[in-house]
PDB file of N, CA and C in Angstrom:
ATOM      1  N   MET A   1      -6.647  53.534  35.972  1.00  0.00           N
ATOM      2  CA  MET A   1      -6.569  52.175  36.127  1.00  0.00           C
ATOM      3  C   MET A   1      -7.154  51.008  34.918  1.00  0.00           C
ATOM      4  N   PRO A   2      -8.122  50.951  34.412  1.00  0.00           N
ATOM      5  CA  PRO A   2      -8.760  50.304  33.423  1.00  0.00           C
ATOM      6  C   PRO A   2      -8.180  50.299  32.121  1.00  0.00           C
ATOM      7  N   LYS A   3      -7.384  52.111  31.703  1.00  0.00           N
ATOM      8  CA  LYS A   3      -7.452  52.400  30.537  1.00  0.00           C
ATOM      9  C   LYS A   3      -5.757  51.291  30.589  1.00  0.00           C
ATOM     10  N   LEU A   4      -4.862  51.234  31.453  1.00  0.00           N
ATOM     11  CA  LEU A   4      -3.684  50.998  31.509  1.00  0.00           C
ATOM     12  C   LEU A   4      -3.708  49.705  31.353  1.00  0.00           C
ATOM     13  N   LYS A   5      -4.549  48.638  31.842  1.00  0.00           N
ATOM     14  CA  LYS A   5      -5.242  47.574  31.533  1.00  0.00           C
ATOM     15  C   LYS A   5      -5.187  47.689  30.260  1.00  0.00           C
ATOM     16  N   ARG A   6      -5.796  48.058  29.637  1.00  0.00           N
ATOM     17  CA  ARG A   6      -5.997  47.754  28.203  1.00  0.00           C
ATOM     18  C   ARG A   6      -4.895  47.849  27.273  1.00  0.00           C
ATOM     19  N   LYS A   7      -3.948  48.900  27.838  1.00  0.00           N
ATOM     20  CA  LYS A   7      -2.877  49.214  27.010  1.00  0.00           C
ATOM     21  C   LYS A   7      -1.837  48.189  26.964  1.00  0.00           C
ATOM     22  N   ILE A   8      -1.885  47.749  28.260  1.00  0.00           N
ATOM     23  CA  ILE A   8      -0.759  45.990  28.077  1.00  0.00           C
ATOM     24  C   ILE A   8      -1.662  45.176  27.447  1.00  0.00           C
ATOM     25  N   SER A   9      -2.836  44.692  27.553  1.00  0.00           N
ATOM     26  CA  SER A   9      -3.143  43.841  26.984  1.00  0.00           C
ATOM     27  C   SER A   9      -3.360  43.638  25.355  1.00  0.00           C
ATOM     28  N   LYS A  10      -3.391  45.543  25.090  1.00  0.00           N
ATOM     29  CA  LYS A  10      -2.804  45.597  23.246  1.00  0.00           C
ATOM     30  C   LYS A  10      -1.498  44.958  23.390  1.00  0.00           C
ATOM     31  N   LYS A  11      -0.572  45.274  23.728  1.00  0.00           N
ATOM     32  CA  LYS A  11       0.802  45.379  23.507  1.00  0.00           C
ATOM     33  C   LYS A  11       1.332  43.852  24.223  1.00  0.00           C
ATOM     34  N   GLN A  12       0.381  43.287  24.666  1.00  0.00           N
ATOM     35  CA  GLN A  12       0.571  41.752  24.995  1.00  0.00           C
ATOM     36  C   GLN A  12       0.010  40.636  23.817  1.00  0.00           C
ATOM     37  N   ASN A  13      -0.998  41.438  23.243  1.00  0.00           N
ATOM     38  CA  ASN A  13      -1.243  40.729  22.175  1.00  0.00           C
ATOM     39  C   ASN A  13      -0.740  40.903  20.983  1.00  0.00           C
ATOM     40  N   ILE A  14      -0.267  41.901  20.722  1.00  0.00           N
ATOM     41  CA  ILE A  14       0.953  42.126  19.888  1.00  0.00           C
ATOM     42  C   ILE A  14       2.270  41.238  19.853  1.00  0.00           C
ATOM     43  N   LEU A  15       2.628  41.099  20.982  1.00  0.00           N
ATOM     44  CA  LEU A  15       3.961  40.660  21.115  1.00  0.00           C
ATOM     45  C   LEU A  15       3.728  39.003  21.185  1.00  0.00           C
ATOM     46  N   HIS A  16       2.107  38.498  21.086  1.00  0.00           N
ATOM     47  CA  HIS A  16       1.904  37.346  21.221  1.00  0.00           C
ATOM     48  C   HIS A  16       1.827  36.938  19.775  1.00  0.00           C
ATOM     49  N   LYS A  17       1.216  38.025  18.911  1.00  0.00           N
ATOM     50  CA  LYS A  17       1.127  37.504  17.255  1.00  0.00           C
ATOM     51  C   LYS A  17       2.645  37.268  16.838  1.00  0.00           C
ATOM     52  N   ARG A  18       3.295  37.971  17.088  1.00  0.00           N
ATOM     53  CA  ARG A  18       4.975  38.242  16.876  1.00  0.00           C
ATOM     54  C   ARG A  18       5.690  36.620  17.075  1.00  0.00           C
ATOM     55  N   ASN A  19       5.107  36.593  18.412  1.00  0.00           N
ATOM     56  CA  ASN A  19       5.762  34.991  19.011  1.00  0.00           C
ATOM     57  C   ASN A  19       5.330  34.098  18.056  1.00  0.00           C
ATOM     58  N   GLN A  20       3.768  33.575  18.018  1.00  0.00           N
ATOM     59  CA  GLN A  20       2.917  32.988  16.894  1.00  0.00           C
ATOM     60  C   GLN A  20       4.008  32.818  15.252  1.00  0.00           C
ATOM     61  N   LEU A  21       4.369  33.728  14.995  1.00  0.00           N
ATOM     62  CA  LEU A  21       4.206  33.817  13.060  1.00  0.00           C
ATOM     63  C   LEU A  21       5.745  32.679  12.859  1.00  0.00           C
ATOM     64  N   PRO A  22       6.922  32.727  13.955  1.00  0.00           N
ATOM     65  CA  PRO A  22       7.943  32.201  13.284  1.00  0.00           C
ATOM     66  C   PRO A  22       7.370  30.458  13.467  1.00  0.00           C
ATOM     67  N   LEU A  23       6.778  30.544  14.734  1.00  0.00           N
ATOM     68  CA  LEU A  23       6.548  28.877  14.805  1.00  0.00           C
ATOM     69  C   LEU A  23       5.788  28.698  13.387  1.00  0.00           C
ATOM     70  N   PHE A  24       4.721  29.443  12.946  1.00  0.00           N
ATOM     71  CA  PHE A  24       3.516  29.000  11.931  1.00  0.00           C
ATOM     72  C   PHE A  24       4.232  28.853  10.825  1.00  0.00           C
ATOM     73  N   LEU A  25       5.681  29.892  10.606  1.00  0.00           N
ATOM     74  CA  LEU A  25       6.449  29.517   9.435  1.00  0.00           C
ATOM     75  C   LEU A  25       7.084  28.296   9.541  1.00  0.00           C
ATOM     76  N   ALA A  26       8.047  27.891  10.486  1.00  0.00           N
ATOM     77  CA  ALA A  26       8.279  26.435  10.982  1.00  0.00           C
ATOM     78  C   ALA A  26       7.673  25.243  10.717  1.00  0.00           C
ATOM     79  N   LEU A  27       6.202  25.622  11.231  1.00  0.00           N
ATOM     80  CA  LEU A  27       5.482  24.409  10.740  1.00  0.00           C
ATOM     81  C   LEU A  27       5.313  24.076   9.425  1.00  0.00           C
ATOM     82  N   GLY A  28       5.003  25.388   8.652  1.00  0.00           N
ATOM     83  CA  GLY A  28       4.507  24.994   7.272  1.00  0.00           C
ATOM     84  C   GLY A  28       5.785  24.414   6.336  1.00  0.00           C
ATOM     85  N   GLY A  29       6.872  24.736   6.894  1.00  0.00           N
ATOM     86  CA  GLY A  29       7.952  24.748   5.999  1.00  0.00           C
ATOM     87  C   GLY A  29       8.297  23.214   6.412  1.00  0.00           C
ATOM     88  N   ILE A  30       8.275  22.784   7.583  1.00  0.00           N
ATOM     89  CA  ILE A  30       8.332  21.328   7.540  1.00  0.00           C
ATOM     90  C   ILE A  30       7.158  20.358   6.706  1.00  0.00           C
ATOM     91  N   ALA A  31       6.035  20.865   7.060  1.00  0.00           N
ATOM     92  CA  ALA A  31       4.998  20.404   6.034  1.00  0.00           C
ATOM     93  C   ALA A  31       5.377  20.232   4.530  1.00  0.00           C
ATOM     94  N   VAL A  32       5.959  21.346   3.704  1.00  0.00           N
ATOM     95  CA  VAL A  32       6.390  21.327   2.639  1.00  0.00           C
ATOM     96  C   VAL A  32       7.163  20.448   2.612  1.00  0.00           C
ATOM     97  N   LEU A  33       8.563  20.344   3.280  1.00  0.00           N
ATOM     98  CA  LEU A  33       9.329  19.195   3.130  1.00  0.00           C
ATOM     99  C   LEU A  33       9.217  17.669   3.011  1.00  0.00           C
ATOM    100  N   LEU A  34       8.179  17.672   3.932  1.00  0.00           N
ATOM    101  CA  LEU A  34       7.775  16.377   4.103  1.00  0.00           C
ATOM    102  C   LEU A  34       7.043  16.118   2.793  1.00  0.00           C
ATOM    103  N   ILE A  35       5.965  17.064   2.237  1.00  0.00           N
ATOM    104  CA  ILE A  35       5.385  16.715   0.921  1.00  0.00           C
ATOM    105  C   ILE A  35       6.317  16.361   0.013  1.00  0.00           C
ATOM    106  N   ALA A  36       7.444  17.287  -0.016  1.00  0.00           N
ATOM    107  CA  ALA A  36       8.003  17.183  -1.341  1.00  0.00           C
ATOM    108  C   ALA A  36       8.979  15.809  -1.059  1.00  0.00           C
ATOM    109  N   ALA A  37       9.252  15.267   0.256  1.00  0.00           N
ATOM    110  CA  ALA A  37       9.978  14.103   0.413  1.00  0.00           C
ATOM    111  C   ALA A  37       8.928  12.975   0.037  1.00  0.00           C
ATOM    112  N   PHE A  38       7.848  13.126  -0.066  1.00  0.00           N
ATOM    113  CA  PHE A  38       6.769  11.793  -0.019  1.00  0.00           C
ATOM    114  C   PHE A  38       6.849  11.830  -1.919  1.00  0.00           C
ATOM    115  N   PHE A  39       6.670  12.619  -2.477  1.00  0.00           N
ATOM    116  CA  PHE A  39       6.589  12.671  -4.177  1.00  0.00           C
ATOM    117  C   PHE A  39       8.185  12.398  -4.569  1.00  0.00           C
ATOM    118  N   ALA A  40       9.186  12.653  -3.914  1.00  0.00           N
ATOM    119  CA  ALA A  40      10.586  12.415  -4.356  1.00  0.00           C
ATOM    120  C   ALA A  40      11.149  11.031  -4.257  1.00  0.00           C
ATOM    121  N   PHE A  41      10.454  10.164  -3.148  1.00  0.00           N
ATOM    122  CA  PHE A  41      10.822   9.037  -3.051  1.00  0.00           C
ATOM    123  C   PHE A  41       9.723   7.929  -3.182  1.00  0.00           C
ATOM    124  N   GLN A  42       8.893   8.569  -3.982  1.00  0.00           N
ATOM    125  CA  GLN A  42       7.739   7.385  -4.139  1.00  0.00           C
ATOM    126  C   GLN A  42       8.125   6.714  -5.670  1.00  0.00           C
ATOM    127  N   LYS A  43       7.771   5.356  -5.276  1.00  0.00           N
ATOM    128  CA  LYS A  43       8.396   4.388  -6.580  1.00  0.00           C
ATOM    129  C   LYS A  43       7.581   4.250  -7.422  1.00  0.00           C
ATOM    130  N   LYS A  44       8.302   4.504  -8.985  1.00  0.00           N
ATOM    131  CA  LYS A  44       7.803   4.485 -10.375  1.00  0.00           C
ATOM    132  C   LYS A  44       6.881   3.362 -10.502  1.00  0.00           C
ATOM    133  N   ALA A  45       5.475   3.608 -10.986  1.00  0.00           N
ATOM    134  CA  ALA A  45       5.401   2.257 -11.367  1.00  0.00           C
ATOM    135  C   ALA A  45       5.635   1.992 -12.957  1.00  0.00           C
ATOM    136  N   THR A  46       6.233   0.633 -13.056  1.00  0.00           N
ATOM    137  CA  THR A  46       6.688   0.373 -14.196  1.00  0.00           C
ATOM    138  C   THR A  46       5.576  -0.840 -15.087  1.00  0.00           C
ATOM    139  N   PRO A  47       5.596  -0.429 -16.268  1.00  0.00           N
ATOM    140  CA  PRO A  47       4.326  -0.778 -17.245  1.00  0.00           C
ATOM    141  C   PRO A  47       4.698  -2.161 -17.247  1.00  0.00           C
ATOM    142  N   TYR A  48       2.994  -2.733 -17.100  1.00  0.00           N
ATOM    143  CA  TYR A  48       3.035  -4.052 -17.210  1.00  0.00           C
ATOM    144  C   TYR A  48       3.433  -4.783 -18.735  1.00  0.00           C
ATOM    145  N   THR A  49       3.860  -5.668 -18.611  1.00  0.00           N
ATOM    146  CA  THR A  49       4.483  -6.163 -20.010  1.00  0.00           C
ATOM    147  C   THR A  49       3.741  -7.537 -20.000  1.00  0.00           C
ATOM    148  N   PRO A  50       2.817  -8.144 -20.401  1.00  0.00           N
ATOM    149  CA  PRO A  50       2.084  -9.394 -20.516  1.00  0.00           C
ATOM    150  C   PRO A  50       3.030 -10.594 -21.195  1.00  0.00           C
ATOM    151  N   GLU A  51       3.215 -11.854 -20.672  1.00  0.00           N
ATOM    152  CA  GLU A  51       3.897 -12.666 -21.232  1.00  0.00           C
ATOM    153  C   GLU A  51       3.442 -13.580 -22.354  1.00  0.00           C
ATOM    154  N   VAL A  52       1.645 -13.446 -22.501  1.00  0.00           N
ATOM    155  CA  VAL A  52       0.984 -13.984 -23.697  1.00  0.00           C
ATOM    156  C   VAL A  52       0.204 -13.190 -23.932  1.00  0.00           C
ATOM    157  N   SER A  53       0.101 -12.607 -25.312  1.00  0.00           N
ATOM    158  CA  SER A  53      -0.612 -12.139 -25.976  1.00  0.00           C
ATOM    159  C   SER A  53      -2.117 -12.574 -26.081  1.00  0.00           C
ATOM    160  N   GLY A  54      -3.234 -11.547 -26.419  1.00  0.00           N
ATOM    161  CA  GLY A  54      -4.472 -11.869 -26.809  1.00  0.00           C
ATOM    162  C   GLY A  54      -5.475 -12.382 -25.975  1.00  0.00           C
ATOM    163  N   THR A  55      -5.121 -13.369 -24.631  1.00  0.00           N
ATOM    164  CA  THR A  55      -5.553 -14.136 -24.308  1.00  0.00           C
ATOM    165  C   THR A  55      -5.349 -13.894 -22.663  1.00  0.00           C
ATOM    166  N   PRO A  56      -6.134 -14.744 -21.712  1.00  0.00           N
ATOM    167  CA  PRO A  56      -5.420 -15.187 -20.407  1.00  0.00           C
ATOM    168  C   PRO A  56      -4.776 -16.038 -20.364  1.00  0.00           C
ATOM    169  N   SER A  57      -3.709 -16.312 -19.267  1.00  0.00           N
ATOM    170  CA  SER A  57      -3.080 -17.167 -18.984  1.00  0.00           C
ATOM    171  C   SER A  57      -2.285 -17.387 -17.599  1.00  0.00           C
ATOM    172  N   LEU A  58      -2.663 -18.485 -16.939  1.00  0.00           N
ATOM    173  CA  LEU A  58      -2.339 -18.911 -15.826  1.00  0.00           C
ATOM    174  C   LEU A  58      -1.003 -19.252 -15.218  1.00  0.00           C
ATOM    175  N   LYS A  59      -0.614 -18.592 -14.642  1.00  0.00           N
ATOM    176  CA  LYS A  59       0.996 -19.527 -14.299  1.00  0.00           C
ATOM    177  C   LYS A  59       1.133 -19.668 -12.507  1.00  0.00           C
ATOM    178  N   VAL A  60       1.258 -20.646 -12.652  1.00  0.00           N
ATOM    179  CA  VAL A  60       1.596 -21.248 -10.911  1.00  0.00           C
ATOM    180  C   VAL A  60       3.087 -21.555 -10.454  1.00  0.00           C
ATOM    181  N   ASP A  61       2.756 -20.794  -9.434  1.00  0.00           N
ATOM    182  CA  ASP A  61       4.858 -20.668  -9.016  1.00  0.00           C
ATOM    183  C   ASP A  61       5.306 -21.963  -8.496  1.00  0.00           C
ATOM    184  N   LYS A  62       4.392 -22.951  -8.500  1.00  0.00           N
ATOM    185  CA  LYS A  62       4.895 -24.370  -8.154  1.00  0.00           C
ATOM    186  C   LYS A  62       4.081 -25.199  -8.759  1.00  0.00           C
ATOM    187  N   GLU A  63       5.190 -26.420  -9.833  1.00  0.00           N
ATOM    188  CA  GLU A  63       4.432 -26.631 -10.427  1.00  0.00           C
ATOM    189  C   GLU A  63       4.711 -28.527 -10.119  1.00  0.00           C
ATOM    190  N   ARG A  64       5.481 -28.766  -8.759  1.00  0.00           N
ATOM    191  CA  ARG A  64       5.112 -29.670  -8.383  1.00  0.00           C
ATOM    192  C   ARG A  64       5.506 -29.962  -6.848  1.00  0.00           C
ATOM    193  N   VAL A  65       4.890 -30.833  -6.044  1.00  0.00           N
ATOM    194  CA  VAL A  65       4.845 -30.681  -4.520  1.00  0.00           C
ATOM    195  C   VAL A  65       5.097 -31.668  -3.935  1.00  0.00           C
ATOM    196  N   ASP A  66       6.079 -31.940  -2.888  1.00  0.00           N
ATOM    197  CA  ASP A  66       6.329 -33.417  -2.278  1.00  0.00           C
ATOM    198  C   ASP A  66       6.089 -33.111  -0.968  1.00  0.00           C
ATOM    199  N   LEU A  67       4.920 -33.766  -0.737  1.00  0.00           N
ATOM    200  CA  LEU A  67       4.822 -33.610   0.840  1.00  0.00           C
ATOM    201  C   LEU A  67       5.516 -34.823   1.857  1.00  0.00           C
ATOM    202  N   GLY A  68       6.203 -35.813   0.833  1.00  0.00           N
ATOM    203  CA  GLY A  68       6.730 -36.616   1.797  1.00  0.00           C
ATOM    204  C   GLY A  68       5.247 -38.000   1.873  1.00  0.00           C
ATOM    205  N   GLU A  69       5.864 -38.811   2.775  1.00  0.00           N
ATOM    206  CA  GLU A  69       4.627 -39.996   3.177  1.00  0.00           C
ATOM    207  C   GLU A  69       4.060 -39.110   4.245  1.00  0.00           C
ATOM    208  N   VAL A  70       2.431 -39.367   3.654  1.00  0.00           N
ATOM    209  CA  VAL A  70       1.258 -38.538   4.634  1.00  0.00           C
ATOM    210  C   VAL A  70       0.247 -40.149   4.738  1.00  0.00           C
ATOM    211  N   LYS A  71       0.331 -40.258   6.238  1.00  0.00           N
ATOM    212  CA  LYS A  71      -0.595 -41.171   7.064  1.00  0.00           C
ATOM    213  C   LYS A  71      -2.355 -40.665   6.361  1.00  0.00           C
ATOM    214  N   LEU A  72      -2.889 -42.135   6.084  1.00  0.00           N
ATOM    215  CA  LEU A  72      -4.356 -42.215   6.217  1.00  0.00           C
ATOM    216  C   LEU A  72      -4.701 -41.107   6.991  1.00  0.00           C
ATOM    217  N   GLY A  73      -5.787 -40.125   6.457  1.00  0.00           N
ATOM    218  CA  GLY A  73      -6.624 -39.190   7.475  1.00  0.00           C
ATOM    219  C   GLY A  73      -5.762 -37.981   8.126  1.00  0.00           C
ATOM    220  N   GLN A  74      -4.447 -38.066   7.911  1.00  0.00           N
ATOM    221  CA  GLN A  74      -3.629 -37.332   8.441  1.00  0.00           C
ATOM    222  C   GLN A  74      -3.955 -35.884   7.061  1.00  0.00           C
ATOM    223  N   THR A  75      -3.976 -34.925   7.973  1.00  0.00           N
ATOM    224  CA  THR A  75      -4.460 -33.324   6.680  1.00  0.00           C
ATOM    225  C   THR A  75      -3.195 -32.792   6.522  1.00  0.00           C
ATOM    226  N   VAL A  76      -2.896 -32.212   5.474  1.00  0.00           N
ATOM    227  CA  VAL A  76      -1.616 -31.613   5.107  1.00  0.00           C
ATOM    228  C   VAL A  76      -2.459 -30.467   4.388  1.00  0.00           C
ATOM    229  N   GLN A  77      -1.791 -29.136   4.086  1.00  0.00           N
ATOM    230  CA  GLN A  77      -1.721 -28.181   3.358  1.00  0.00           C
ATOM    231  C   GLN A  77      -0.503 -27.923   2.752  1.00  0.00           C
ATOM    232  N   VAL A  78      -1.219 -27.512   1.650  1.00  0.00           N
ATOM    233  CA  VAL A  78      -0.440 -26.622   0.470  1.00  0.00           C
ATOM    234  C   VAL A  78      -0.684 -25.131   0.066  1.00  0.00           C
ATOM    235  N   SER A  79       0.068 -24.569  -0.545  1.00  0.00           N
ATOM    236  CA  SER A  79      -0.700 -22.929  -0.880  1.00  0.00           C
ATOM    237  C   SER A  79       0.494 -23.028  -2.428  1.00  0.00           C
ATOM    238  N   PHE A  80      -0.420 -21.837  -3.134  1.00  0.00           N
ATOM    239  CA  PHE A  80       0.098 -22.006  -4.352  1.00  0.00           C
ATOM    240  C   PHE A  80       0.023 -20.688  -4.884  1.00  0.00           C
ATOM    241  N   GLY A  81       0.679 -19.933  -5.657  1.00  0.00           N
ATOM    242  CA  GLY A  81       0.781 -18.772  -5.856  1.00  0.00           C
ATOM    243  C   GLY A  81       0.262 -18.997  -7.232  1.00  0.00           C
ATOM    244  N   LEU A  82      -0.946 -18.115  -7.501  1.00  0.00           N
ATOM    245  CA  LEU A  82      -1.100 -18.015  -9.023  1.00  0.00           C
ATOM    246  C   LEU A  82      -1.153 -16.731  -9.782  1.00  0.00           C
ATOM    247  N   LYS A  83      -0.734 -16.530 -11.023  1.00  0.00           N
ATOM    248  CA  LYS A  83      -0.877 -15.335 -11.175  1.00  0.00           C
ATOM    249  C   LYS A  83      -1.254 -15.556 -13.224  1.00  0.00           C
ATOM    250  N   ASN A  84      -2.105 -14.240 -13.596  1.00  0.00           N
ATOM    251  CA  ASN A  84      -2.247 -13.925 -14.937  1.00  0.00           C
ATOM    252  C   ASN A  84      -1.345 -13.705 -15.631  1.00  0.00           C
ATOM    253  N   VAL A  85      -0.784 -14.223 -16.318  1.00  0.00           N
ATOM    254  CA  VAL A  85       0.303 -13.444 -17.220  1.00  0.00           C
ATOM    255  C   VAL A  85       0.318 -13.078 -18.588  1.00  0.00           C
ATOM    256  N   GLY A  86      -1.202 -12.959 -18.647  1.00  0.00           N
ATOM    257  CA  GLY A  86      -1.981 -13.003 -20.269  1.00  0.00           C
ATOM    258  C   GLY A  86      -2.408 -11.443 -20.656  1.00  0.00           C
ATOM    259  N   ASP A  87      -2.947 -10.758 -21.236  1.00  0.00           N
ATOM    260  CA  ASP A  87      -3.389  -9.344 -21.354  1.00  0.00           C
ATOM    261  C   ASP A  87      -4.752  -9.475 -21.579  1.00  0.00           C
ATOM    262  N   GLN A  88      -5.529 -10.840 -21.144  1.00  0.00           N
ATOM    263  CA  GLN A  88      -6.945 -10.402 -20.748  1.00  0.00           C
ATOM    264  C   GLN A  88      -7.466 -10.769 -19.544  1.00  0.00           C
ATOM    265  N   PRO A  89      -8.584 -10.471 -19.051  1.00  0.00           N
ATOM    266  CA  PRO A  89      -9.088 -10.826 -17.443  1.00  0.00           C
ATOM    267  C   PRO A  89      -9.240 -12.565 -17.745  1.00  0.00           C
ATOM    268  N   LEU A  90      -8.980 -13.007 -16.505  1.00  0.00           N
ATOM    269  CA  LEU A  90      -8.729 -14.462 -16.102  1.00  0.00           C
ATOM    270  C   LEU A  90     -10.052 -14.693 -15.367  1.00  0.00           C
ATOM    271  N   LYS A  91     -10.986 -15.664 -16.137  1.00  0.00           N
ATOM    272  CA  LYS A  91     -12.251 -16.188 -15.108  1.00  0.00           C
ATOM    273  C   LYS A  91     -12.649 -17.196 -15.442  1.00  0.00           C
ATOM    274  N   PHE A  92     -12.933 -17.699 -14.222  1.00  0.00           N
ATOM    275  CA  PHE A  92     -13.262 -19.107 -14.014  1.00  0.00           C
ATOM    276  C   PHE A  92     -14.825 -19.113 -13.550  1.00  0.00           C
ATOM    277  N   SER A  93     -15.088 -20.029 -14.812  1.00  0.00           N
ATOM    278  CA  SER A  93     -16.660 -20.028 -15.002  1.00  0.00           C
ATOM    279  C   SER A  93     -17.409 -21.555 -14.559  1.00  0.00           C
ATOM    280  N   ASP A  94     -16.829 -22.524 -14.732  1.00  0.00           N
ATOM    281  CA  ASP A  94     -17.425 -23.496 -14.147  1.00  0.00           C
ATOM    282  C   ASP A  94     -17.267 -23.972 -12.644  1.00  0.00           C
ATOM    283  N   VAL A  95     -18.264 -24.961 -12.369  1.00  0.00           N
ATOM    284  CA  VAL A  95     -17.770 -25.436 -10.609  1.00  0.00           C
ATOM    285  C   VAL A  95     -17.130 -26.801 -11.141  1.00  0.00           C
ATOM    286  N   PRO A  96     -16.329 -27.325  -9.727  1.00  0.00           N
ATOM    287  CA  PRO A  96     -15.699 -26.745  -9.109  1.00  0.00           C
ATOM    288  C   PRO A  96     -14.567 -25.506  -9.584  1.00  0.00           C
ATOM    289  N   TYR A  97     -14.457 -24.118  -8.938  1.00  0.00           N
ATOM    290  CA  TYR A  97     -13.155 -23.556  -9.693  1.00  0.00           C
ATOM    291  C   TYR A  97     -11.828 -24.018  -9.628  1.00  0.00           C
ATOM    292  N   VAL A  98     -11.633 -25.085  -8.448  1.00  0.00           N
ATOM    293  CA  VAL A  98     -10.589 -25.837  -8.685  1.00  0.00           C
ATOM    294  C   VAL A  98     -10.753 -26.972  -8.348  1.00  0.00           C
ATOM    295  N   GLU A  99     -10.139 -28.111  -9.085  1.00  0.00           N
ATOM    296  CA  GLU A  99     -10.259 -29.436  -9.030  1.00  0.00           C
ATOM    297  C   GLU A  99      -8.651 -30.035  -8.169  1.00  0.00           C
ATOM    298  N   VAL A 100      -9.063 -30.774  -7.344  1.00  0.00           N
ATOM    299  CA  VAL A 100      -8.321 -31.416  -6.401  1.00  0.00           C
ATOM    300  C   VAL A 100      -8.014 -33.372  -6.822  1.00  0.00           C
ATOM    301  N   LYS A 101      -6.747 -33.416  -7.363  1.00  0.00           N
ATOM    302  CA  LYS A 101      -6.938 -34.873  -7.677  1.00  0.00           C
ATOM    303  C   LYS A 101      -5.684 -35.424  -6.324  1.00  0.00           C
ATOM    304  N   GLU A 102      -6.591 -36.837  -6.297  1.00  0.00           N
ATOM    305  CA  GLU A 102      -5.404 -37.247  -5.234  1.00  0.00           C
ATOM    306  C   GLU A 102      -4.079 -38.229  -5.873  1.00  0.00           C
ATOM    307  N   GLY A 103      -3.515 -38.438  -5.262  1.00  0.00           N
ATOM    308  CA  GLY A 103      -2.188 -39.166  -5.223  1.00  0.00           C
ATOM    309  C   GLY A 103      -1.232 -39.106  -6.947  1.00  0.00           C
ATOM    310  N   CYS A 104      -1.486 -37.642  -7.417  1.00  0.00           N
ATOM    311  CA  CYS A 104      -0.902 -36.934  -8.039  1.00  0.00           C
ATOM    312  C   CYS A 104       0.674 -36.936  -7.949  1.00  0.00           C
TER     313      CYS A 104
END
Protein backbone atom coordinates (compact mmCIF):
# COMPACT_ATOMS: atom_id res chain seq x y z
CA MET A 1 0.00 0.00 0.00
CA PRO A 2 2.69 2.58 0.76
CA LYS A 3 4.25 2.01 -2.68
CA LEU A 4 0.93 2.73 -4.35
CA LYS A 5 0.64 6.02 -2.48
CA ARG A 6 4.12 7.02 -3.62
CA LYS A 7 3.31 6.32 -7.25
CA ILE A 8 0.10 8.34 -7.04
CA SER A 9 1.82 11.25 -5.36
CA LYS A 10 4.58 11.26 -8.01
CA LYS A 11 1.95 11.34 -10.76
CA GLN A 12 0.06 14.09 -8.98
CA ASN A 13 3.29 16.03 -8.57
CA ILE A 14 4.02 15.80 -12.30
CA LEU A 15 0.47 16.83 -13.20
CA HIS A 16 0.65 19.71 -10.72
CA LYS A 17 3.90 20.97 -12.31
CA ARG A 18 2.37 20.71 -15.79
CA ASN A 19 -0.66 22.73 -14.65
CA GLN A 20 1.57 25.49 -13.22
CA LEU A 21 3.56 25.99 -16.44
CA PRO A 22 0.79 27.67 -18.52
CA LEU A 23 -0.06 29.96 -15.59
CA PHE A 24 3.59 30.93 -15.20
CA LEU A 25 3.94 31.62 -18.93
CA ALA A 26 0.73 33.67 -19.02
CA LEU A 27 1.80 35.83 -16.07
CA GLY A 28 5.25 36.31 -17.60
CA GLY A 29 3.71 37.35 -20.92
CA ILE A 30 1.42 39.86 -19.23
CA ALA A 31 4.37 41.32 -17.32
CA VAL A 32 6.36 41.73 -20.55
CA LEU A 33 3.40 43.45 -22.24
CA LEU A 34 2.93 45.85 -19.32
CA ILE A 35 6.61 46.81 -19.32
CA ALA A 36 6.58 47.33 -23.09
CA ALA A 37 3.44 49.49 -22.85
CA PHE A 38 5.01 51.57 -20.08
CA PHE A 39 8.04 52.43 -22.23
CA ALA A 40 5.99 52.89 -25.41
CA PHE A 41 3.57 55.43 -23.93
CA GLN A 42 6.09 57.35 -21.85
CA LYS A 43 6.29 61.04 -22.76
CA LYS A 44 9.48 62.10 -24.44
CA ALA A 45 11.28 64.89 -22.58
CA THR A 46 11.55 68.06 -24.64
CA PRO A 47 14.82 69.95 -24.33
CA TYR A 48 14.64 73.21 -22.37
CA THR A 49 15.25 76.34 -24.45
CA PRO A 50 15.94 79.37 -22.22
CA GLU A 51 14.39 82.74 -23.11
CA VAL A 52 17.47 84.58 -21.79
CA SER A 53 21.07 83.41 -22.32
CA GLY A 54 24.04 83.94 -20.01
CA THR A 55 22.11 85.04 -16.93
CA PRO A 56 19.18 84.07 -14.72
CA SER A 57 15.90 85.83 -15.40
CA LEU A 58 12.70 85.77 -13.37
CA LYS A 59 9.32 85.65 -15.10
CA VAL A 60 6.08 86.30 -13.18
CA ASP A 61 2.78 84.85 -14.41
CA LYS A 62 0.75 87.84 -13.12
CA GLU A 63 2.16 91.31 -13.59
CA ARG A 64 -0.90 93.04 -12.17
CA VAL A 65 -3.41 92.05 -9.48
CA ASP A 66 -6.65 93.88 -8.72
CA LEU A 67 -8.15 92.88 -5.37
CA GLY A 68 -10.87 95.50 -5.52
CA GLU A 69 -11.70 97.49 -2.41
CA VAL A 70 -10.16 95.95 0.70
CA LYS A 71 -11.28 97.16 4.12
CA LEU A 72 -8.66 98.12 6.67
CA GLY A 73 -7.66 95.06 8.69
CA GLN A 74 -9.09 92.59 6.18
CA THR A 75 -6.69 89.82 5.15
CA VAL A 76 -6.35 89.01 1.47
CA GLN A 77 -4.26 86.42 -0.32
CA VAL A 78 -2.59 86.47 -3.70
CA SER A 79 -0.36 83.85 -5.27
CA PHE A 80 2.15 84.28 -8.04
CA GLY A 81 3.88 81.77 -10.24
CA LEU A 82 7.59 82.48 -10.65
CA LYS A 83 9.82 80.83 -13.23
CA ASN A 84 13.50 81.14 -14.05
CA VAL A 85 13.59 81.60 -17.84
CA GLY A 86 17.35 82.10 -17.99
CA ASP A 87 20.05 79.49 -18.44
CA GLN A 88 21.82 80.19 -15.12
CA PRO A 89 20.66 79.31 -11.57
CA LEU A 90 18.50 81.96 -9.91
CA LYS A 91 19.56 82.75 -6.33
CA PHE A 92 17.97 85.14 -3.84
CA SER A 93 20.84 86.41 -1.72
CA ASP A 94 19.52 89.38 0.28
CA VAL A 95 17.01 89.41 3.12
CA PRO A 96 14.07 89.92 2.71
CA TYR A 97 13.84 87.58 -0.22
CA VAL A 98 10.44 89.01 -1.17
CA GLU A 99 9.48 92.62 -0.63
CA VAL A 100 5.83 93.61 -0.39
CA LYS A 101 4.84 97.17 -1.18
CA GLU A 102 1.45 98.39 0.00
CA GLY A 103 -0.82 100.37 -2.26
CA CYS A 104 0.84 99.42 -5.51
